[in-house]
C-alpha cells in the first residue's frame, strides 16, 4: 500500500466570528485570506505543488460532529479508497461515505479520542 498520510491538508477551527478571525490573521500575520480562510502553497519532496488550508468555521457549525471539539485536522493521503479499506479492517470508525469533487476525494474517521478527522486525496491542480 502507498503511504497513508502525506501531510497536513488543513486546520479547521470554530470561532465566534470567522470574518474577524480572518481579518485578524490577515492584518497581524499576513495571511492571504478569502471566503474559506487561507491557502498555503508548498512543494513536496518530488517538487509537486501542494496546499494546506486554514479555515475558521462558525461556532455553531456541525461540520466537526460527532466530535465535540472545536477543531478538526485534515490530512492529505495518496490513495483514499485503499486507505479506507485498510482502516475498516483495522476497526477504525468511518463516518459517512467518501465524497468526490474536482479538487479531490474526502472521507471522515474518528480517532481513539473520538476526534473527527478529515482525509483528503487532493487534486491540487484544481486550485491553480
N, C-alpha and C. Protein backbone atom coordinates (compact mmCIF):
# COMPACT_ATOMS: atom_id res chain seq x y z
N UNK A 1 0.84 -1.20 0.00
CA UNK A 1 0.00 0.00 0.00
C UNK A 1 0.88 1.24 0.00
N UNK A 2 0.42 2.27 -0.67
CA UNK A 2 1.12 3.55 -0.68
C UNK A 2 1.15 4.12 0.73
N UNK A 3 1.81 5.26 0.87
CA UNK A 3 1.83 5.95 2.15
C UNK A 3 0.39 6.22 2.59
N UNK A 4 0.20 6.29 3.88
CA UNK A 4 -1.14 6.63 4.38
C UNK A 4 -1.32 8.14 4.37
N UNK A 5 -0.71 8.85 5.29
CA UNK A 5 -0.81 10.31 5.35
C UNK A 5 0.47 10.91 4.78
N UNK A 6 0.32 11.89 3.91
CA UNK A 6 1.48 12.52 3.28
C UNK A 6 1.73 13.95 3.78
N UNK A 7 0.81 14.49 4.56
CA UNK A 7 0.97 15.84 5.08
C UNK A 7 -0.32 16.36 5.68
N UNK A 8 -0.25 17.55 6.18
CA UNK A 8 -1.45 18.19 6.75
C UNK A 8 -2.14 18.95 5.63
N UNK A 9 -3.39 18.60 5.40
CA UNK A 9 -4.17 19.24 4.34
C UNK A 9 -4.90 20.47 4.82
N UNK A 10 -5.18 20.53 6.11
CA UNK A 10 -5.88 21.69 6.62
C UNK A 10 -6.04 21.68 8.12
N UNK A 11 -6.24 22.85 8.66
CA UNK A 11 -6.54 23.04 10.07
C UNK A 11 -7.83 23.84 10.12
N UNK A 12 -8.85 23.24 10.69
CA UNK A 12 -10.17 23.87 10.77
C UNK A 12 -10.53 24.08 12.24
N UNK A 13 -11.08 25.23 12.57
CA UNK A 13 -11.43 25.52 13.96
C UNK A 13 -12.66 26.40 14.03
N UNK A 14 -13.35 26.30 15.15
CA UNK A 14 -14.55 27.10 15.36
C UNK A 14 -14.18 28.41 16.05
N UNK A 15 -14.93 29.45 15.69
CA UNK A 15 -14.73 30.76 16.30
C UNK A 15 -16.07 31.49 16.31
N UNK A 16 -16.22 32.42 17.24
CA UNK A 16 -17.46 33.18 17.32
C UNK A 16 -17.68 34.04 16.08
N UNK A 17 -16.58 34.49 15.45
CA UNK A 17 -16.70 35.40 14.32
C UNK A 17 -15.62 35.05 13.28
N UNK A 18 -15.94 34.16 12.32
CA UNK A 18 -14.95 33.76 11.32
C UNK A 18 -14.35 34.94 10.54
N UNK A 19 -15.17 35.94 10.20
CA UNK A 19 -14.65 37.08 9.45
C UNK A 19 -13.63 37.85 10.29
N UNK A 20 -13.93 38.06 11.56
CA UNK A 20 -12.99 38.77 12.42
C UNK A 20 -11.69 37.98 12.56
N UNK A 21 -11.79 36.66 12.64
CA UNK A 21 -10.59 35.82 12.74
C UNK A 21 -9.76 35.96 11.47
N UNK A 22 -10.40 35.89 10.31
CA UNK A 22 -9.67 36.04 9.04
C UNK A 22 -9.03 37.42 8.94
N UNK A 23 -9.77 38.46 9.35
CA UNK A 23 -9.23 39.82 9.30
C UNK A 23 -8.03 39.96 10.23
N UNK A 24 -8.11 39.39 11.44
CA UNK A 24 -7.02 39.49 12.41
C UNK A 24 -5.77 38.79 11.87
N UNK A 25 -5.93 37.58 11.36
CA UNK A 25 -4.78 36.84 10.84
C UNK A 25 -4.20 37.51 9.60
N UNK A 26 -5.06 38.14 8.80
CA UNK A 26 -4.57 38.87 7.63
C UNK A 26 -3.75 40.08 8.06
N UNK A 27 -4.29 40.85 8.98
CA UNK A 27 -3.63 42.08 9.43
C UNK A 27 -2.34 41.80 10.19
N UNK A 28 -2.39 40.88 11.15
CA UNK A 28 -1.26 40.70 12.06
C UNK A 28 -0.26 39.64 11.63
N UNK A 29 -0.69 38.64 10.87
CA UNK A 29 0.23 37.58 10.47
C UNK A 29 0.39 37.46 8.96
N UNK A 30 -0.30 38.34 8.22
CA UNK A 30 -0.12 38.39 6.78
C UNK A 30 -0.77 37.27 5.99
N UNK A 31 -1.78 36.59 6.58
CA UNK A 31 -2.48 35.54 5.85
C UNK A 31 -3.19 36.14 4.64
N UNK A 32 -3.14 35.47 3.51
CA UNK A 32 -3.87 35.89 2.31
C UNK A 32 -5.24 35.22 2.37
N UNK A 33 -6.20 35.86 3.01
CA UNK A 33 -7.49 35.24 3.29
C UNK A 33 -8.50 35.45 2.16
N UNK A 34 -9.46 34.53 2.11
CA UNK A 34 -10.59 34.60 1.19
C UNK A 34 -11.82 34.09 1.93
N UNK A 35 -12.87 33.76 1.21
CA UNK A 35 -14.10 33.30 1.85
C UNK A 35 -13.90 32.05 2.71
N UNK A 36 -12.92 31.22 2.36
CA UNK A 36 -12.73 29.94 3.05
C UNK A 36 -11.64 29.98 4.11
N UNK A 37 -10.87 31.03 4.15
CA UNK A 37 -9.76 31.12 5.09
C UNK A 37 -8.51 31.53 4.35
N UNK A 38 -7.47 30.67 4.40
CA UNK A 38 -6.22 30.94 3.70
C UNK A 38 -5.65 29.63 3.19
N UNK A 39 -5.04 29.69 2.03
CA UNK A 39 -4.39 28.52 1.44
C UNK A 39 -2.90 28.76 1.41
N UNK A 40 -2.14 27.82 1.96
CA UNK A 40 -0.69 27.89 1.96
C UNK A 40 -0.16 26.92 0.91
N UNK A 41 0.64 27.42 -0.01
CA UNK A 41 1.21 26.59 -1.07
C UNK A 41 2.64 26.22 -0.73
N UNK A 42 2.99 24.99 -1.05
CA UNK A 42 4.33 24.47 -0.81
C UNK A 42 4.61 23.36 -1.81
N UNK A 43 5.84 22.91 -1.87
CA UNK A 43 6.21 21.82 -2.77
C UNK A 43 6.62 20.60 -1.95
N UNK A 44 6.16 19.44 -2.38
CA UNK A 44 6.56 18.22 -1.70
C UNK A 44 7.97 17.84 -2.16
N UNK A 45 8.50 16.74 -1.63
CA UNK A 45 9.88 16.39 -1.94
C UNK A 45 10.09 16.03 -3.41
N UNK A 46 9.00 15.71 -4.13
CA UNK A 46 9.08 15.45 -5.57
C UNK A 46 8.95 16.74 -6.38
N UNK A 47 8.78 17.87 -5.71
CA UNK A 47 8.66 19.16 -6.39
C UNK A 47 7.26 19.50 -6.87
N UNK A 48 6.26 18.72 -6.46
CA UNK A 48 4.88 18.98 -6.88
C UNK A 48 4.26 20.05 -5.98
N UNK A 49 3.43 20.91 -6.59
CA UNK A 49 2.71 21.92 -5.82
C UNK A 49 1.67 21.25 -4.93
N UNK A 50 1.63 21.65 -3.66
CA UNK A 50 0.68 21.12 -2.69
C UNK A 50 0.11 22.30 -1.89
N UNK A 51 -1.03 22.07 -1.25
CA UNK A 51 -1.63 23.14 -0.45
C UNK A 51 -2.07 22.63 0.90
N UNK A 52 -2.11 23.56 1.84
CA UNK A 52 -2.68 23.32 3.16
C UNK A 52 -3.67 24.44 3.42
N UNK A 53 -4.86 24.09 3.85
CA UNK A 53 -5.95 25.05 4.06
C UNK A 53 -6.09 25.39 5.54
N UNK A 54 -6.25 26.66 5.83
CA UNK A 54 -6.53 27.17 7.18
C UNK A 54 -7.92 27.78 7.12
N UNK A 55 -8.87 27.27 7.93
CA UNK A 55 -10.25 27.73 7.82
C UNK A 55 -10.94 27.88 9.16
N UNK A 56 -11.38 29.11 9.49
CA UNK A 56 -12.23 29.30 10.66
C UNK A 56 -13.68 28.99 10.29
N UNK A 57 -14.37 28.29 11.18
CA UNK A 57 -15.77 27.92 11.00
C UNK A 57 -16.61 28.64 12.05
N UNK A 58 -17.88 28.89 11.77
CA UNK A 58 -18.76 29.47 12.79
C UNK A 58 -18.85 28.55 14.01
N UNK A 59 -18.97 29.14 15.19
CA UNK A 59 -19.02 28.37 16.44
C UNK A 59 -20.15 27.35 16.43
N UNK A 60 -21.25 27.64 15.73
CA UNK A 60 -22.40 26.73 15.71
C UNK A 60 -22.31 25.66 14.61
N UNK A 61 -21.21 25.62 13.87
CA UNK A 61 -21.05 24.64 12.79
C UNK A 61 -21.17 23.21 13.31
N UNK A 62 -21.84 22.39 12.54
CA UNK A 62 -21.98 20.97 12.88
C UNK A 62 -21.02 20.11 12.07
N UNK A 63 -20.15 20.74 11.29
CA UNK A 63 -19.27 20.01 10.39
C UNK A 63 -18.31 19.07 11.12
N UNK A 64 -17.95 19.38 12.36
CA UNK A 64 -17.00 18.56 13.10
C UNK A 64 -17.66 17.39 13.84
N UNK A 65 -18.99 17.36 13.85
CA UNK A 65 -19.70 16.30 14.58
C UNK A 65 -19.45 14.94 13.95
N UNK A 66 -19.40 13.89 14.72
CA UNK A 66 -19.85 13.77 16.11
C UNK A 66 -18.83 14.21 17.15
N UNK A 67 -17.65 14.67 16.72
CA UNK A 67 -16.67 15.17 17.69
C UNK A 67 -17.23 16.37 18.43
N UNK A 68 -16.86 16.52 19.65
CA UNK A 68 -17.29 17.66 20.47
C UNK A 68 -16.23 18.75 20.50
N UNK A 69 -15.12 18.55 19.80
CA UNK A 69 -14.02 19.50 19.81
C UNK A 69 -14.32 20.69 18.89
N UNK A 70 -13.60 21.77 19.12
CA UNK A 70 -13.76 22.98 18.32
C UNK A 70 -12.75 23.05 17.19
N UNK A 71 -12.14 21.91 16.85
CA UNK A 71 -11.16 21.88 15.78
C UNK A 71 -11.26 20.55 15.04
N UNK A 72 -10.71 20.53 13.85
CA UNK A 72 -10.62 19.28 13.08
C UNK A 72 -9.41 19.39 12.17
N UNK A 73 -8.62 18.33 12.12
CA UNK A 73 -7.49 18.26 11.22
C UNK A 73 -7.91 17.58 9.92
N UNK A 74 -7.32 18.02 8.84
CA UNK A 74 -7.48 17.41 7.53
C UNK A 74 -6.10 16.91 7.14
N UNK A 75 -6.01 15.61 6.83
CA UNK A 75 -4.73 15.03 6.43
C UNK A 75 -4.76 14.66 4.96
N UNK A 76 -3.69 14.98 4.26
CA UNK A 76 -3.53 14.61 2.85
C UNK A 76 -3.14 13.13 2.79
N UNK A 77 -3.75 12.39 1.87
CA UNK A 77 -3.43 10.97 1.69
C UNK A 77 -3.21 10.69 0.20
N UNK A 78 -2.53 9.58 -0.11
CA UNK A 78 -2.24 9.25 -1.51
C UNK A 78 -3.36 8.48 -2.20
N UNK A 79 -3.94 7.50 -1.53
CA UNK A 79 -4.94 6.63 -2.15
C UNK A 79 -6.05 6.41 -1.14
N UNK A 80 -7.02 7.29 -1.14
CA UNK A 80 -8.06 7.29 -0.12
C UNK A 80 -8.87 6.00 -0.12
N UNK A 81 -9.24 5.50 -1.27
CA UNK A 81 -10.07 4.29 -1.31
C UNK A 81 -9.34 3.10 -0.69
N UNK A 82 -8.08 2.92 -1.02
CA UNK A 82 -7.30 1.82 -0.44
C UNK A 82 -7.12 2.02 1.05
N UNK A 83 -6.86 3.25 1.46
CA UNK A 83 -6.67 3.54 2.88
C UNK A 83 -7.94 3.25 3.67
N UNK A 84 -9.09 3.62 3.14
CA UNK A 84 -10.36 3.36 3.85
C UNK A 84 -10.57 1.86 4.05
N UNK A 85 -10.22 1.06 3.07
CA UNK A 85 -10.35 -0.40 3.21
C UNK A 85 -9.48 -0.91 4.36
N UNK A 86 -8.23 -0.43 4.41
CA UNK A 86 -7.31 -0.86 5.46
C UNK A 86 -7.80 -0.39 6.83
N UNK A 87 -8.24 0.86 6.91
CA UNK A 87 -8.72 1.40 8.19
C UNK A 87 -9.94 0.62 8.69
N UNK A 88 -10.84 0.27 7.77
CA UNK A 88 -12.02 -0.51 8.14
C UNK A 88 -11.59 -1.86 8.70
N UNK A 89 -10.64 -2.52 8.05
CA UNK A 89 -10.12 -3.80 8.53
C UNK A 89 -9.47 -3.66 9.91
N UNK A 90 -8.90 -2.50 10.18
CA UNK A 90 -8.24 -2.25 11.46
C UNK A 90 -9.23 -1.82 12.55
N UNK A 91 -10.50 -1.71 12.21
CA UNK A 91 -11.52 -1.37 13.19
C UNK A 91 -11.71 0.12 13.42
N UNK A 92 -11.18 0.97 12.54
CA UNK A 92 -11.35 2.41 12.68
C UNK A 92 -12.77 2.79 12.28
N UNK A 93 -13.38 3.69 13.05
CA UNK A 93 -14.73 4.16 12.74
C UNK A 93 -14.68 5.12 11.56
N UNK A 94 -15.44 4.79 10.52
CA UNK A 94 -15.54 5.63 9.33
C UNK A 94 -16.90 6.31 9.37
N UNK A 95 -16.92 7.63 9.17
CA UNK A 95 -18.13 8.42 9.25
C UNK A 95 -18.64 8.69 7.83
N UNK A 96 -19.83 8.24 7.52
CA UNK A 96 -20.44 8.54 6.22
C UNK A 96 -19.72 7.88 5.06
N UNK A 97 -19.98 8.41 3.87
CA UNK A 97 -19.42 7.88 2.63
C UNK A 97 -18.37 8.83 2.08
N UNK A 98 -17.45 8.29 1.33
CA UNK A 98 -16.45 9.09 0.65
C UNK A 98 -17.17 10.03 -0.34
N UNK A 99 -16.67 11.25 -0.45
CA UNK A 99 -17.22 12.23 -1.39
C UNK A 99 -16.13 12.64 -2.36
N UNK A 100 -16.52 12.83 -3.62
CA UNK A 100 -15.56 13.18 -4.67
C UNK A 100 -15.95 14.51 -5.30
N UNK A 101 -14.95 15.39 -5.44
CA UNK A 101 -15.12 16.70 -6.05
C UNK A 101 -13.98 16.91 -7.04
N UNK A 102 -14.03 17.98 -7.81
CA UNK A 102 -12.96 18.26 -8.77
C UNK A 102 -11.62 18.49 -8.07
N UNK A 103 -11.63 18.88 -6.82
CA UNK A 103 -10.40 19.15 -6.07
C UNK A 103 -9.99 18.01 -5.15
N UNK A 104 -10.66 16.85 -5.27
CA UNK A 104 -10.21 15.68 -4.53
C UNK A 104 -11.30 14.85 -3.92
N UNK A 105 -10.87 13.78 -3.27
CA UNK A 105 -11.77 12.86 -2.57
C UNK A 105 -11.64 13.10 -1.07
N UNK A 106 -12.77 12.96 -0.36
CA UNK A 106 -12.80 13.21 1.08
C UNK A 106 -13.50 12.06 1.81
N UNK A 107 -13.02 11.77 3.00
CA UNK A 107 -13.67 10.80 3.89
C UNK A 107 -13.37 11.23 5.32
N UNK A 108 -14.14 10.72 6.27
CA UNK A 108 -14.01 11.12 7.66
C UNK A 108 -13.94 9.89 8.56
N UNK A 109 -13.09 9.99 9.57
CA UNK A 109 -12.92 8.92 10.54
C UNK A 109 -12.90 9.52 11.94
N UNK A 110 -12.97 8.66 12.95
CA UNK A 110 -12.79 9.08 14.33
C UNK A 110 -11.50 8.49 14.85
N UNK A 111 -10.72 9.29 15.60
CA UNK A 111 -9.52 8.74 16.22
C UNK A 111 -9.88 8.11 17.56
N UNK A 112 -8.88 7.69 18.30
CA UNK A 112 -9.12 7.00 19.58
C UNK A 112 -9.78 7.87 20.63
N UNK A 113 -9.73 9.21 20.48
CA UNK A 113 -10.39 10.13 21.41
C UNK A 113 -11.71 10.65 20.86
N UNK A 114 -12.18 10.03 19.77
CA UNK A 114 -13.43 10.42 19.11
C UNK A 114 -13.37 11.79 18.45
N UNK A 115 -12.16 12.22 18.09
CA UNK A 115 -11.99 13.44 17.30
C UNK A 115 -12.26 13.09 15.84
N UNK A 116 -13.05 13.89 15.18
CA UNK A 116 -13.30 13.68 13.76
C UNK A 116 -12.09 14.15 12.97
N UNK A 117 -11.66 13.33 12.02
CA UNK A 117 -10.52 13.63 11.16
C UNK A 117 -11.00 13.55 9.72
N UNK A 118 -10.62 14.54 8.94
CA UNK A 118 -10.96 14.54 7.52
C UNK A 118 -9.74 14.04 6.75
N UNK A 119 -9.95 13.07 5.87
CA UNK A 119 -8.91 12.54 5.00
C UNK A 119 -9.17 13.06 3.59
N UNK A 120 -8.11 13.54 2.93
CA UNK A 120 -8.26 14.19 1.64
C UNK A 120 -7.22 13.66 0.66
N UNK A 121 -7.69 13.11 -0.44
CA UNK A 121 -6.81 12.77 -1.56
C UNK A 121 -6.92 13.94 -2.52
N UNK A 122 -5.97 14.87 -2.47
CA UNK A 122 -6.12 16.14 -3.19
C UNK A 122 -5.87 16.05 -4.69
N UNK A 123 -6.49 17.01 -5.38
CA UNK A 123 -6.15 17.33 -6.75
C UNK A 123 -5.74 18.81 -6.69
N UNK A 124 -4.48 19.04 -6.34
CA UNK A 124 -4.00 20.41 -6.13
C UNK A 124 -4.12 21.28 -7.38
N UNK A 125 -4.01 20.67 -8.54
CA UNK A 125 -4.10 21.42 -9.79
C UNK A 125 -5.44 22.16 -9.94
N UNK A 126 -6.47 21.66 -9.27
CA UNK A 126 -7.79 22.28 -9.36
C UNK A 126 -7.80 23.68 -8.74
N UNK A 127 -6.81 23.99 -7.89
CA UNK A 127 -6.78 25.30 -7.22
C UNK A 127 -5.93 26.32 -7.96
N UNK A 128 -5.28 25.92 -9.02
CA UNK A 128 -4.34 26.83 -9.69
C UNK A 128 -4.93 27.40 -10.96
